[in-house]
Amino acid sequence: MTTLVHVVMVFLHVAPSNPVSQRYNPHVNGWVYPLFEQNWRLFAPDPESFNRQVLARTAHTESDGSVRVSPWFDLTAVDNSAVEHNVFPSHTSQNLLRRAWSSYVEAHGGSDTARSDRAVMLQKYLRNIAADRVAAQNDGGTFDFVQLRVITLPVAAPAARAENRPPVPTENRLLPWWKVTPHGK
C-alpha cells in the first residue's frame, strides 16, 4: 500500500499541472519534499563554485540556570572524511548536508525567518540533521539548543592555489539558536 501511495504522490508531483494535482498539492509536496525531491542534476550537474563549511554548536541549560555552550563542531569535515577514502561513498555522506543547506537558502533567502510552510519544514530538516550529527559525536552529553554557522568560500583558481593564498570568505552566516528535543542519555 505504501508503495502505491508513493508512486501516486510522485506521479502527481512530476505530472503537468491538472485539477487533481492542484487540489492535492499540499499533500503531494508534504510527501515529496525534502526526501523524494526530483531534479535533473544527475544528468546536467551544476558544479559548486563555492565550498561551504557548516559548523554547529550546542547549548544546555544547567540545573543552576547557567548555560553551557559547546565549541564549534565541523559537520562538513565529518562528511568529507566519510567520502575521502571510500571507494563507494554514500549519497547521504556526499549530499545530505549540502542539499539541506542549499534548500534552506532557497526557501529563506538572506533572512532566517520562515515565510512559508516549506521554509519551516526545511528549517526543521536542517536542524534535525545538525542535532543528530552532533548527538552522535557528543559522548552522551545532552543539549537543548543547536546553532549553525556557515562559512562560504569561493573555489580557488589554480593560480591562487599555487601562490598559497587563503581564500577570502564571501559569507560568514550565523543562524539563530534552534530548540531541539533532548539528545543523549
Protein backbone atom coordinates (compact mmCIF):
# COMPACT_ATOMS: atom_id res chain seq x y z
CA MET A 1 0.00 0.00 0.00
CA THR A 2 2.82 2.40 0.87
CA THR A 3 4.45 1.74 -2.48
CA LEU A 4 1.23 2.56 -4.30
CA VAL A 5 0.81 5.81 -2.33
CA HIS A 6 4.43 6.73 -3.07
CA VAL A 7 4.06 6.09 -6.81
CA VAL A 8 0.83 8.14 -6.97
CA MET A 9 2.34 11.03 -5.00
CA VAL A 10 5.49 11.16 -7.13
CA PHE A 11 3.40 10.89 -10.30
CA LEU A 12 1.23 13.84 -9.21
CA HIS A 13 4.39 15.78 -8.38
CA VAL A 14 6.05 15.31 -11.80
CA ALA A 15 2.86 15.33 -13.92
CA PRO A 16 1.79 18.52 -15.68
CA SER A 17 -0.49 20.72 -13.65
CA ASN A 18 -4.03 19.37 -13.58
CA PRO A 19 -7.09 19.65 -11.29
CA VAL A 20 -6.12 16.58 -9.24
CA SER A 21 -2.50 17.65 -8.65
CA GLN A 22 -3.63 21.20 -7.84
CA ARG A 23 -6.22 20.00 -5.34
CA TYR A 24 -3.77 17.71 -3.51
CA ASN A 25 -0.70 19.92 -3.95
CA PRO A 26 -0.07 20.47 -0.19
CA HIS A 27 -0.28 16.72 0.48
CA VAL A 28 1.92 15.88 -2.52
CA ASN A 29 4.58 18.44 -1.53
CA GLY A 30 4.48 17.20 2.06
CA TRP A 31 5.23 13.69 0.80
CA VAL A 32 7.84 14.57 -1.83
CA TYR A 33 9.91 17.28 -0.08
CA PRO A 34 12.65 17.02 1.07
CA LEU A 35 13.38 13.28 0.79
CA PHE A 36 11.99 12.45 -2.67
CA GLU A 37 12.69 15.69 -4.49
CA GLN A 38 13.11 15.27 -8.25
CA ASN A 39 15.62 17.23 -10.30
CA TRP A 40 17.83 16.86 -13.36
CA ARG A 41 21.20 17.39 -11.65
CA LEU A 42 22.21 13.79 -12.21
CA PHE A 43 22.19 14.36 -15.98
CA ALA A 44 23.26 18.01 -16.07
CA PRO A 45 25.11 18.73 -12.83
CA ASP A 46 25.66 22.28 -11.79
CA PRO A 47 29.13 22.18 -10.21
CA GLU A 48 29.57 24.05 -6.98
CA SER A 49 31.50 27.28 -7.31
CA PHE A 50 31.73 27.64 -3.53
CA ASN A 51 32.95 25.50 -0.68
CA ARG A 52 30.69 25.66 2.32
CA GLN A 53 31.78 24.75 5.80
CA VAL A 54 28.82 24.04 8.09
CA LEU A 55 29.64 24.22 11.80
CA ALA A 56 27.33 23.53 14.73
CA ARG A 57 27.44 24.21 18.43
CA THR A 58 25.04 23.31 21.19
CA ALA A 59 23.76 24.86 24.38
CA HIS A 60 22.45 23.22 27.52
CA THR A 61 20.80 24.90 30.49
CA GLU A 62 22.24 23.54 33.73
CA SER A 63 20.14 22.93 36.85
CA ASP A 64 21.53 26.13 38.42
CA GLY A 65 20.27 28.17 35.44
CA SER A 66 23.65 28.70 33.81
CA VAL A 67 24.03 27.95 30.11
CA ARG A 68 26.82 25.73 28.84
CA VAL A 69 27.77 26.35 25.20
CA SER A 70 29.90 23.80 23.35
CA PRO A 71 32.74 24.67 20.99
CA TRP A 72 32.01 24.65 17.25
CA PHE A 73 31.85 21.21 15.63
CA ASP A 74 32.60 20.92 11.89
CA LEU A 75 29.76 18.94 10.27
CA THR A 76 31.28 19.33 6.80
CA ALA A 77 34.57 17.75 7.92
CA VAL A 78 32.65 14.64 9.05
CA ASP A 79 31.03 14.36 5.62
CA ASN A 80 34.33 14.94 3.82
CA SER A 81 36.11 12.27 5.87
CA ALA A 82 33.28 9.79 5.16
CA VAL A 83 33.79 10.35 1.41
CA GLU A 84 37.54 10.91 1.07
CA HIS A 85 38.92 7.36 1.21
CA ASN A 86 35.73 5.46 0.48
CA VAL A 87 35.57 3.70 -2.88
CA PHE A 88 31.76 3.67 -2.79
CA PRO A 89 30.75 6.69 -0.69
CA SER A 90 27.16 7.00 0.35
CA HIS A 91 24.94 9.57 -1.36
CA THR A 92 23.98 10.69 2.13
CA SER A 93 27.59 11.40 3.07
CA GLN A 94 28.12 13.35 -0.12
CA ASN A 95 24.96 15.40 -0.40
CA LEU A 96 22.57 15.38 2.58
CA LEU A 97 24.02 18.34 4.47
CA ARG A 98 24.92 20.29 1.32
CA ARG A 99 21.44 19.87 -0.22
CA ALA A 100 19.74 20.64 3.10
CA TRP A 101 21.67 23.91 3.28
CA SER A 102 21.02 24.90 -0.35
CA SER A 103 17.29 24.13 0.06
CA TYR A 104 17.24 26.20 3.26
CA VAL A 105 18.83 29.15 1.46
CA GLU A 106 16.40 28.82 -1.48
CA ALA A 107 13.43 28.92 0.92
CA HIS A 108 14.75 31.62 3.28
CA GLY A 109 16.98 33.81 1.11
CA GLY A 110 19.18 36.09 3.19
CA SER A 111 16.74 36.06 6.10
CA ASP A 112 16.39 33.33 8.68
CA THR A 113 12.67 33.98 9.07
CA ALA A 114 10.47 31.26 7.59
CA ARG A 115 7.75 32.75 5.38
CA SER A 116 6.13 29.54 4.16
CA ASP A 117 5.33 26.03 5.33
CA ARG A 118 8.09 24.72 3.08
CA ALA A 119 10.61 27.08 4.70
CA VAL A 120 9.56 25.88 8.17
CA MET A 121 9.91 22.27 7.05
CA LEU A 122 13.39 22.88 5.59
CA GLN A 123 14.46 24.67 8.76
CA LYS A 124 13.38 21.66 10.85
CA TYR A 125 15.10 19.33 8.38
CA LEU A 126 18.42 21.20 8.65
CA ARG A 127 18.07 21.47 12.44
CA ASN A 128 17.42 17.73 12.76
CA ILE A 129 20.41 16.80 10.59
CA ALA A 130 22.69 19.02 12.71
CA ALA A 131 21.25 17.79 16.02
CA ASP A 132 21.54 14.12 15.02
CA ARG A 133 25.14 14.51 13.85
CA VAL A 134 26.21 16.47 16.92
CA ALA A 135 24.46 13.95 19.19
CA ALA A 136 26.38 11.12 17.53
CA GLN A 137 29.68 12.87 18.40
CA ASN A 138 28.59 14.22 21.79
CA ASP A 139 29.73 11.30 24.00
CA GLY A 140 26.47 11.11 25.96
CA GLY A 141 26.12 14.82 26.65
CA THR A 142 22.72 16.46 26.42
CA PHE A 143 21.78 19.72 24.78
CA ASP A 144 18.66 21.85 24.38
CA PHE A 145 19.61 24.15 21.51
CA VAL A 146 21.69 23.95 18.36
CA GLN A 147 23.13 26.81 16.31
CA LEU A 148 24.68 26.68 12.86
CA ARG A 149 27.38 28.80 11.31
CA VAL A 150 28.03 28.53 7.57
CA ILE A 151 31.24 29.86 6.06
CA THR A 152 31.17 30.17 2.28
CA LEU A 153 34.48 30.29 0.42
CA PRO A 154 34.97 30.60 -3.33
CA VAL A 155 36.64 27.68 -5.06
CA ALA A 156 40.19 28.90 -5.54
CA ALA A 157 41.57 29.19 -9.05
CA PRO A 158 44.65 27.04 -9.80
CA ALA A 159 46.93 30.10 -9.87
CA ALA A 160 45.68 31.17 -6.44
CA ARG A 161 46.43 27.70 -5.05
CA ALA A 162 49.97 27.88 -6.37
CA GLU A 163 50.54 31.14 -4.53
CA ASN A 164 49.11 29.58 -1.32
CA ARG A 165 46.78 32.47 -0.70
CA PRO A 166 43.92 31.51 1.59
CA PRO A 167 40.54 32.26 0.00
CA VAL A 168 38.63 35.19 1.46
CA PRO A 169 35.24 34.17 2.88
CA THR A 170 32.38 35.52 0.81
CA GLU A 171 29.87 34.87 3.59
CA ASN A 172 30.01 34.01 7.26
CA ARG A 173 26.39 33.36 8.23
CA LEU A 174 25.36 32.74 11.82
CA LEU A 175 21.90 31.23 12.21
CA PRO A 176 19.75 31.70 15.32
CA TRP A 177 19.60 29.17 18.14
CA TRP A 178 17.04 26.43 17.43
CA LYS A 179 15.30 24.44 20.16
CA VAL A 180 15.79 20.67 19.83
CA THR A 181 14.44 17.65 21.64
CA PRO A 182 16.83 16.32 24.30
CA HIS A 183 19.68 14.20 22.98
CA GLY A 184 21.91 11.96 24.95
CA LYS A 185 21.24 9.70 27.90
